[in-house]
């Protein structure tokens, strides 16, 4: 069974746009790079050719990845993310207190394709995201980290 990718409508549109760009504009650019690099002569010692072929590989890899996501996605709607009884679920915005550091942080629980921890978007599949799911205000969660267990207290759920 294929993995389901949970996407917001915005992320879906972004991926469709990226796929379209890659298949139309970017693919032609890379083909032109390969053609130009071939014109430089001996392919066995042609670093421009090697780099263009590597770029083509990366491009096709990303196209394949996006096509896989688009073949197996589930849209997260507003109804899916409505907060019912303060329980944390996909789409919830959570304010937590790092008990040891006495620091308050705000995170949003998102699908794996939209995760961006540096900007407060935590994947539902991450250890932190998994620990938060199903919890509510005033609950405490413990996250196993390389330096030991980290304790968080949930202050608010939106």
Protein backbone atom coordinates (compact mmCIF):
# COMPACT_ATOMS: atom_id res chain seq x y z
CA UNK A 1 0.00 0.00 0.00
CA UNK A 2 1.33 3.41 -0.96
CA UNK A 3 1.98 6.03 1.67
CA UNK A 4 -0.64 8.78 1.89
CA UNK A 5 0.61 12.33 1.82
CA UNK A 6 -1.53 14.82 3.71
CA UNK A 7 -1.53 18.19 1.96
CA UNK A 8 -3.22 21.52 2.37
CA UNK A 9 -4.88 22.89 -0.78
CA UNK A 10 -2.08 25.49 -0.96
CA UNK A 11 0.67 22.85 -0.86
CA UNK A 12 -1.14 20.80 -3.51
CA UNK A 13 -1.27 23.80 -5.84
CA UNK A 14 2.41 24.54 -5.14
CA UNK A 15 3.44 20.97 -6.02
CA UNK A 16 1.33 20.95 -9.19
CA UNK A 17 2.92 24.24 -10.25
CA UNK A 18 6.42 22.96 -9.48
CA UNK A 19 5.79 19.77 -11.49
CA UNK A 20 4.50 21.77 -14.44
CA UNK A 21 7.57 24.06 -14.33
CA UNK A 22 9.95 21.12 -14.15
CA UNK A 23 8.32 19.24 -17.02
CA UNK A 24 8.12 22.23 -19.32
CA UNK A 25 10.74 24.89 -18.63
CA UNK A 26 13.39 23.16 -16.51
CA UNK A 27 13.53 19.97 -18.55
CA UNK A 28 14.28 21.99 -21.71
CA UNK A 29 16.93 24.02 -19.88
CA UNK A 30 18.73 20.86 -18.75
CA UNK A 31 18.49 19.33 -22.23
CA UNK A 32 20.07 22.51 -23.64
CA UNK A 33 22.86 22.31 -21.03
CA UNK A 34 23.60 18.72 -22.06
CA UNK A 35 23.57 19.65 -25.75
CA UNK A 36 25.95 22.56 -25.14
CA UNK A 37 28.27 20.44 -22.99
CA UNK A 38 28.41 17.77 -25.70
CA UNK A 39 29.69 20.34 -28.13
CA UNK A 40 32.81 20.83 -25.97
CA UNK A 41 34.28 17.58 -27.21
CA UNK A 42 35.51 14.42 -25.49
CA UNK A 43 32.76 13.32 -23.07
CA UNK A 44 35.14 11.23 -20.93
CA UNK A 45 36.91 14.38 -19.69
CA UNK A 46 34.03 16.83 -19.92
CA UNK A 47 33.04 18.06 -16.46
CA UNK A 48 30.31 20.31 -17.88
CA UNK A 49 28.67 17.27 -19.47
CA UNK A 50 28.95 15.27 -16.24
CA UNK A 51 27.38 18.10 -14.25
CA UNK A 52 24.56 18.54 -16.78
CA UNK A 53 23.80 14.79 -16.63
CA UNK A 54 23.83 14.93 -12.81
CA UNK A 55 21.40 17.86 -12.95
CA UNK A 56 19.17 15.85 -15.27
CA UNK A 57 19.20 12.97 -12.77
CA UNK A 58 18.24 15.30 -9.92
CA UNK A 59 15.47 16.81 -12.04
CA UNK A 60 13.97 13.43 -12.96
CA UNK A 61 14.27 12.29 -9.36
CA UNK A 62 12.31 15.32 -8.13
CA UNK A 63 9.70 14.90 -10.90
CA UNK A 64 9.25 11.27 -9.84
CA UNK A 65 8.94 12.28 -6.18
CA UNK A 66 6.28 14.91 -6.91
CA UNK A 67 4.34 12.55 -9.20
CA UNK A 68 4.33 9.96 -6.40
CA UNK A 69 3.01 12.52 -3.92
CA UNK A 70 0.34 13.70 -6.35
CA UNK A 71 -0.75 10.11 -6.96
CA UNK A 72 -1.18 9.41 -3.24
CA UNK A 73 -2.32 12.63 -1.56
CA UNK A 74 -5.21 13.42 0.75
CA UNK A 75 -6.39 17.02 1.06
CA UNK A 76 -6.70 18.41 4.56
CA UNK A 77 -9.80 20.57 4.68
CA UNK A 78 -10.96 23.14 7.22
CA UNK A 79 -13.37 20.53 8.62
CA UNK A 80 -10.43 18.21 9.23
CA UNK A 81 -8.55 20.80 11.24
CA UNK A 82 -11.40 22.19 13.32
CA UNK A 83 -10.38 21.92 16.95
CA UNK A 84 -12.80 19.60 18.72
CA UNK A 85 -12.59 19.66 22.53
CA UNK A 86 -9.02 20.99 22.52
CA UNK A 87 -7.47 17.75 21.27
CA UNK A 88 -4.29 18.18 19.19
CA UNK A 89 -4.59 16.86 15.65
CA UNK A 90 -3.28 17.61 12.17
CA UNK A 91 -3.59 21.35 11.60
CA UNK A 92 -3.59 22.29 15.28
CA UNK A 93 -1.50 25.19 16.49
CA UNK A 94 0.08 24.29 19.83
CA UNK A 95 1.81 26.45 22.43
CA UNK A 96 4.20 24.39 24.55
CA UNK A 97 6.53 25.09 27.43
CA UNK A 98 9.96 23.44 27.41
CA UNK A 99 10.01 22.62 31.12
CA UNK A 100 13.80 22.37 31.49
CA UNK A 101 14.63 25.53 29.53
CA UNK A 102 11.50 27.42 30.67
CA UNK A 103 10.89 28.55 27.07
CA UNK A 104 7.54 28.86 25.34
CA UNK A 105 7.26 27.85 21.70
CA UNK A 106 4.41 27.70 19.18
CA UNK A 107 4.15 24.92 16.59
CA UNK A 108 1.66 23.89 13.97
CA UNK A 109 1.17 20.20 13.28
CA UNK A 110 1.32 19.63 9.51
CA UNK A 111 1.70 16.81 6.98
CA UNK A 112 5.21 15.59 6.23
CA UNK A 113 5.44 17.49 2.92
CA UNK A 114 4.81 20.82 4.65
CA UNK A 115 7.15 20.34 7.60
CA UNK A 116 9.49 23.25 8.28
CA UNK A 117 10.71 23.04 11.89
CA UNK A 118 12.70 26.27 11.66
CA UNK A 119 9.42 28.08 11.00
CA UNK A 120 7.33 26.20 13.57
CA UNK A 121 5.74 23.62 11.24
CA UNK A 122 6.19 20.17 12.77
CA UNK A 123 5.43 16.98 10.84
CA UNK A 124 2.79 14.69 12.27
CA UNK A 125 5.26 11.88 11.58
CA UNK A 126 8.12 13.37 13.61
CA UNK A 127 8.70 12.10 17.15
CA UNK A 128 7.55 15.48 18.53
CA UNK A 129 4.47 15.55 16.29
CA UNK A 130 3.53 11.98 17.20
CA UNK A 131 3.90 12.76 20.91
CA UNK A 132 1.61 15.78 20.64
CA UNK A 133 -1.18 14.17 18.60
CA UNK A 134 -4.20 13.28 20.73
CA UNK A 135 -3.04 15.33 23.71
CA UNK A 136 -4.76 18.43 25.11
CA UNK A 137 -4.11 21.56 27.17
CA UNK A 138 -2.16 20.97 30.41
CA UNK A 139 -0.92 17.52 29.27
CA UNK A 140 2.79 16.84 29.47
CA UNK A 141 4.73 15.00 26.81
CA UNK A 142 8.21 13.52 26.85
CA UNK A 143 10.33 13.39 23.70
CA UNK A 144 13.35 11.11 23.47
CA UNK A 145 16.33 13.06 22.13
CA UNK A 146 20.01 12.16 21.76
CA UNK A 147 20.81 14.13 24.94
CA UNK A 148 18.00 12.49 26.92
CA UNK A 149 14.29 13.03 27.39
CA UNK A 150 12.78 16.50 26.88
CA UNK A 151 9.63 17.43 28.78
CA UNK A 152 7.02 19.79 27.35
CA UNK A 153 3.83 21.07 28.91
CA UNK A 154 0.99 21.97 26.54
CA UNK A 155 -0.21 25.49 27.34
CA UNK A 156 -2.69 26.12 24.54
CA UNK A 157 -4.29 24.34 21.59
CA UNK A 158 -5.89 26.21 18.70
